[in-house]
Amino acid sequence: MTYQLWDLASRNLIDEFPVEAEALDAARAYLTPDDDGVAVDVALVVYGDDDQPMRSIHGDELTAAAFGADGGRARRLA
């Protein structure tokens, strides 16, 4: 599996990760507001071993995956 992180506003690929935990760490960093209160709206696209997209995760679903439903631990995506 591979994980691609996309900027939703610009529709640009930010980075690609071979490990889910790394992708969630990066998503968490973008979703966390900076000192000015600005966060970046991102999506995570999960690709299977056949290099075909399996799912796209964004919005509340990605926030819950990155921070956990209670704001604590991240949860597994696939």
N, C-alpha and C. Protein backbone atom coordinates (compact mmCIF):
# COMPACT_ATOMS: atom_id res chain seq x y z
N MET A 1 0.84 -1.18 0.00
CA MET A 1 0.00 0.00 0.00
C MET A 1 0.88 1.25 0.00
N THR A 2 0.35 2.29 -0.58
CA THR A 2 0.98 3.60 -0.51
C THR A 2 -0.09 4.63 -0.15
N TYR A 3 0.35 5.76 0.35
CA TYR A 3 -0.54 6.79 0.85
C TYR A 3 -0.10 8.12 0.28
N GLN A 4 -0.99 8.80 -0.43
CA GLN A 4 -0.68 10.10 -0.99
C GLN A 4 -1.46 11.17 -0.24
N LEU A 5 -0.74 12.24 0.12
CA LEU A 5 -1.35 13.37 0.81
C LEU A 5 -1.51 14.51 -0.18
N TRP A 6 -2.76 14.99 -0.32
CA TRP A 6 -3.10 16.03 -1.30
C TRP A 6 -3.60 17.28 -0.61
N ASP A 7 -3.21 18.45 -1.13
CA ASP A 7 -3.75 19.73 -0.69
C ASP A 7 -5.06 19.94 -1.44
N LEU A 8 -6.16 20.06 -0.71
CA LEU A 8 -7.47 20.16 -1.37
C LEU A 8 -7.70 21.50 -2.05
N ALA A 9 -7.14 22.57 -1.52
CA ALA A 9 -7.34 23.89 -2.12
C ALA A 9 -6.65 24.00 -3.48
N SER A 10 -5.40 23.56 -3.54
CA SER A 10 -4.63 23.67 -4.79
C SER A 10 -4.74 22.43 -5.67
N ARG A 11 -5.24 21.34 -5.07
CA ARG A 11 -5.32 20.04 -5.75
C ARG A 11 -3.95 19.52 -6.17
N ASN A 12 -2.94 19.86 -5.35
CA ASN A 12 -1.58 19.41 -5.61
C ASN A 12 -1.19 18.28 -4.67
N LEU A 13 -0.40 17.35 -5.19
CA LEU A 13 0.16 16.29 -4.38
C LEU A 13 1.21 16.89 -3.46
N ILE A 14 1.11 16.63 -2.17
CA ILE A 14 2.08 17.12 -1.21
C ILE A 14 3.22 16.11 -1.06
N ASP A 15 2.87 14.84 -0.83
CA ASP A 15 3.89 13.82 -0.62
C ASP A 15 3.24 12.45 -0.70
N GLU A 16 4.10 11.43 -0.81
CA GLU A 16 3.65 10.04 -0.86
C GLU A 16 4.41 9.27 0.21
N PHE A 17 3.73 8.36 0.87
CA PHE A 17 4.31 7.63 2.00
C PHE A 17 4.10 6.13 1.82
N PRO A 18 5.12 5.33 2.15
CA PRO A 18 4.97 3.88 2.07
C PRO A 18 4.33 3.28 3.33
N VAL A 19 4.27 4.08 4.40
CA VAL A 19 3.79 3.60 5.69
C VAL A 19 2.64 4.48 6.17
N GLU A 20 1.57 3.84 6.59
CA GLU A 20 0.37 4.56 7.04
C GLU A 20 0.67 5.53 8.17
N ALA A 21 1.45 5.11 9.15
CA ALA A 21 1.73 5.97 10.30
C ALA A 21 2.42 7.26 9.86
N GLU A 22 3.32 7.19 8.91
CA GLU A 22 3.99 8.39 8.40
C GLU A 22 2.99 9.32 7.71
N ALA A 23 2.08 8.75 6.95
CA ALA A 23 1.06 9.54 6.26
C ALA A 23 0.15 10.25 7.26
N LEU A 24 -0.24 9.54 8.31
CA LEU A 24 -1.10 10.15 9.33
C LEU A 24 -0.36 11.23 10.11
N ASP A 25 0.94 11.02 10.36
CA ASP A 25 1.74 12.06 11.03
C ASP A 25 1.77 13.33 10.19
N ALA A 26 1.97 13.17 8.89
CA ALA A 26 2.01 14.32 8.00
C ALA A 26 0.65 15.00 7.93
N ALA A 27 -0.42 14.22 7.82
CA ALA A 27 -1.77 14.78 7.79
C ALA A 27 -2.04 15.55 9.07
N ARG A 28 -1.65 14.98 10.20
CA ARG A 28 -1.86 15.64 11.49
C ARG A 28 -1.15 16.99 11.53
N ALA A 29 0.06 17.04 10.99
CA ALA A 29 0.82 18.29 10.97
C ALA A 29 0.11 19.36 10.13
N TYR A 30 -0.45 18.97 9.00
CA TYR A 30 -1.16 19.94 8.15
C TYR A 30 -2.50 20.35 8.75
N LEU A 31 -3.16 19.44 9.44
CA LEU A 31 -4.47 19.73 10.01
C LEU A 31 -4.40 20.53 11.31
N THR A 32 -3.22 20.56 11.92
CA THR A 32 -3.03 21.31 13.16
C THR A 32 -2.85 22.79 12.83
N PRO A 33 -3.69 23.64 13.37
CA PRO A 33 -3.56 25.08 13.09
C PRO A 33 -2.20 25.63 13.52
N ASP A 34 -1.66 26.55 12.71
CA ASP A 34 -0.39 27.20 13.06
C ASP A 34 -0.65 28.32 14.06
N ASP A 35 0.36 29.12 14.34
CA ASP A 35 0.23 30.20 15.33
C ASP A 35 -0.85 31.22 14.96
N ASP A 36 -1.16 31.34 13.68
CA ASP A 36 -2.20 32.26 13.22
C ASP A 36 -3.58 31.59 13.15
N GLY A 37 -3.65 30.32 13.54
CA GLY A 37 -4.91 29.60 13.52
C GLY A 37 -5.26 29.00 12.18
N VAL A 38 -4.29 28.97 11.25
CA VAL A 38 -4.55 28.46 9.90
C VAL A 38 -4.14 26.99 9.81
N ALA A 39 -5.05 26.17 9.33
CA ALA A 39 -4.78 24.76 9.06
C ALA A 39 -4.93 24.53 7.56
N VAL A 40 -4.28 23.50 7.05
CA VAL A 40 -4.35 23.18 5.63
C VAL A 40 -5.33 22.02 5.45
N ASP A 41 -6.28 22.19 4.55
CA ASP A 41 -7.27 21.15 4.26
C ASP A 41 -6.63 20.14 3.32
N VAL A 42 -6.44 18.93 3.81
CA VAL A 42 -5.78 17.89 3.03
C VAL A 42 -6.66 16.65 2.92
N ALA A 43 -6.30 15.80 1.96
CA ALA A 43 -6.94 14.50 1.78
C ALA A 43 -5.85 13.45 1.69
N LEU A 44 -6.17 12.27 2.14
CA LEU A 44 -5.24 11.15 2.06
C LEU A 44 -5.86 10.10 1.14
N VAL A 45 -5.14 9.76 0.07
CA VAL A 45 -5.62 8.75 -0.87
C VAL A 45 -4.81 7.48 -0.63
N VAL A 46 -5.52 6.39 -0.37
CA VAL A 46 -4.89 5.11 -0.09
C VAL A 46 -4.89 4.27 -1.36
N TYR A 47 -3.71 3.82 -1.76
CA TYR A 47 -3.54 2.98 -2.94
C TYR A 47 -3.21 1.56 -2.52
N GLY A 48 -3.81 0.59 -3.21
CA GLY A 48 -3.54 -0.81 -2.94
C GLY A 48 -2.25 -1.28 -3.58
N ASP A 49 -1.92 -2.53 -3.37
CA ASP A 49 -0.71 -3.10 -3.93
C ASP A 49 -0.71 -3.11 -5.45
N ASP A 50 -1.88 -2.99 -6.06
CA ASP A 50 -2.00 -2.95 -7.52
C ASP A 50 -1.91 -1.52 -8.06
N ASP A 51 -1.53 -0.56 -7.18
CA ASP A 51 -1.40 0.86 -7.53
C ASP A 51 -2.71 1.50 -7.95
N GLN A 52 -3.83 0.93 -7.55
CA GLN A 52 -5.16 1.49 -7.81
C GLN A 52 -5.67 2.14 -6.52
N PRO A 53 -6.29 3.32 -6.65
CA PRO A 53 -6.82 3.96 -5.43
C PRO A 53 -7.93 3.13 -4.81
N MET A 54 -7.82 2.96 -3.49
CA MET A 54 -8.82 2.19 -2.74
C MET A 54 -9.84 3.10 -2.07
N ARG A 55 -9.35 4.25 -1.58
CA ARG A 55 -10.26 5.19 -0.92
C ARG A 55 -9.58 6.53 -0.74
N SER A 56 -10.41 7.55 -0.59
CA SER A 56 -9.95 8.90 -0.31
C SER A 56 -10.54 9.31 1.02
N ILE A 57 -9.70 9.83 1.90
CA ILE A 57 -10.13 10.19 3.24
C ILE A 57 -9.87 11.68 3.43
N HIS A 58 -10.90 12.42 3.85
CA HIS A 58 -10.76 13.86 4.04
C HIS A 58 -11.80 14.33 5.05
N GLY A 59 -11.74 15.60 5.38
CA GLY A 59 -12.72 16.19 6.29
C GLY A 59 -12.70 15.55 7.67
N ASP A 60 -13.88 15.38 8.24
CA ASP A 60 -14.01 14.84 9.59
C ASP A 60 -13.43 13.43 9.69
N GLU A 61 -13.56 12.64 8.63
CA GLU A 61 -13.04 11.27 8.66
C GLU A 61 -11.52 11.28 8.79
N LEU A 62 -10.84 12.16 8.05
CA LEU A 62 -9.38 12.23 8.15
C LEU A 62 -8.97 12.79 9.51
N THR A 63 -9.69 13.78 9.99
CA THR A 63 -9.38 14.33 11.32
C THR A 63 -9.49 13.24 12.38
N ALA A 64 -10.54 12.44 12.32
CA ALA A 64 -10.70 11.36 13.29
C ALA A 64 -9.60 10.30 13.13
N ALA A 65 -9.20 10.03 11.89
CA ALA A 65 -8.14 9.05 11.66
C ALA A 65 -6.80 9.57 12.18
N ALA A 66 -6.53 10.85 11.97
CA ALA A 66 -5.24 11.43 12.36
C ALA A 66 -5.15 11.66 13.87
N PHE A 67 -6.23 12.11 14.48
CA PHE A 67 -6.20 12.49 15.89
C PHE A 67 -6.94 11.51 16.79
N GLY A 68 -7.68 10.58 16.21
CA GLY A 68 -8.51 9.69 16.99
C GLY A 68 -9.85 10.34 17.25
N ALA A 69 -10.86 9.55 17.46
CA ALA A 69 -12.21 10.09 17.66
C ALA A 69 -12.28 10.99 18.89
N ASP A 70 -11.43 10.71 19.88
CA ASP A 70 -11.43 11.51 21.10
C ASP A 70 -10.28 12.52 21.13
N GLY A 71 -9.62 12.72 19.97
CA GLY A 71 -8.50 13.65 19.91
C GLY A 71 -7.20 13.03 20.40
N GLY A 72 -7.22 11.73 20.65
CA GLY A 72 -6.03 11.04 21.17
C GLY A 72 -5.29 10.28 20.09
N ARG A 73 -5.33 8.98 20.16
CA ARG A 73 -4.56 8.13 19.24
C ARG A 73 -5.18 8.05 17.87
N ALA A 74 -4.30 7.99 16.86
CA ALA A 74 -4.75 7.79 15.48
C ALA A 74 -5.31 6.38 15.34
N ARG A 75 -6.14 6.19 14.33
CA ARG A 75 -6.70 4.85 14.10
C ARG A 75 -6.25 4.34 12.74
N ARG A 76 -6.30 3.04 12.58
CA ARG A 76 -5.86 2.39 11.37
C ARG A 76 -6.86 2.63 10.24
N LEU A 77 -6.34 2.89 9.02
CA LEU A 77 -7.19 3.23 7.88
C LEU A 77 -7.58 2.02 7.04
N ALA A 78 -6.69 1.09 6.88
CA ALA A 78 -6.97 -0.03 5.97
C ALA A 78 -6.85 -1.35 6.66
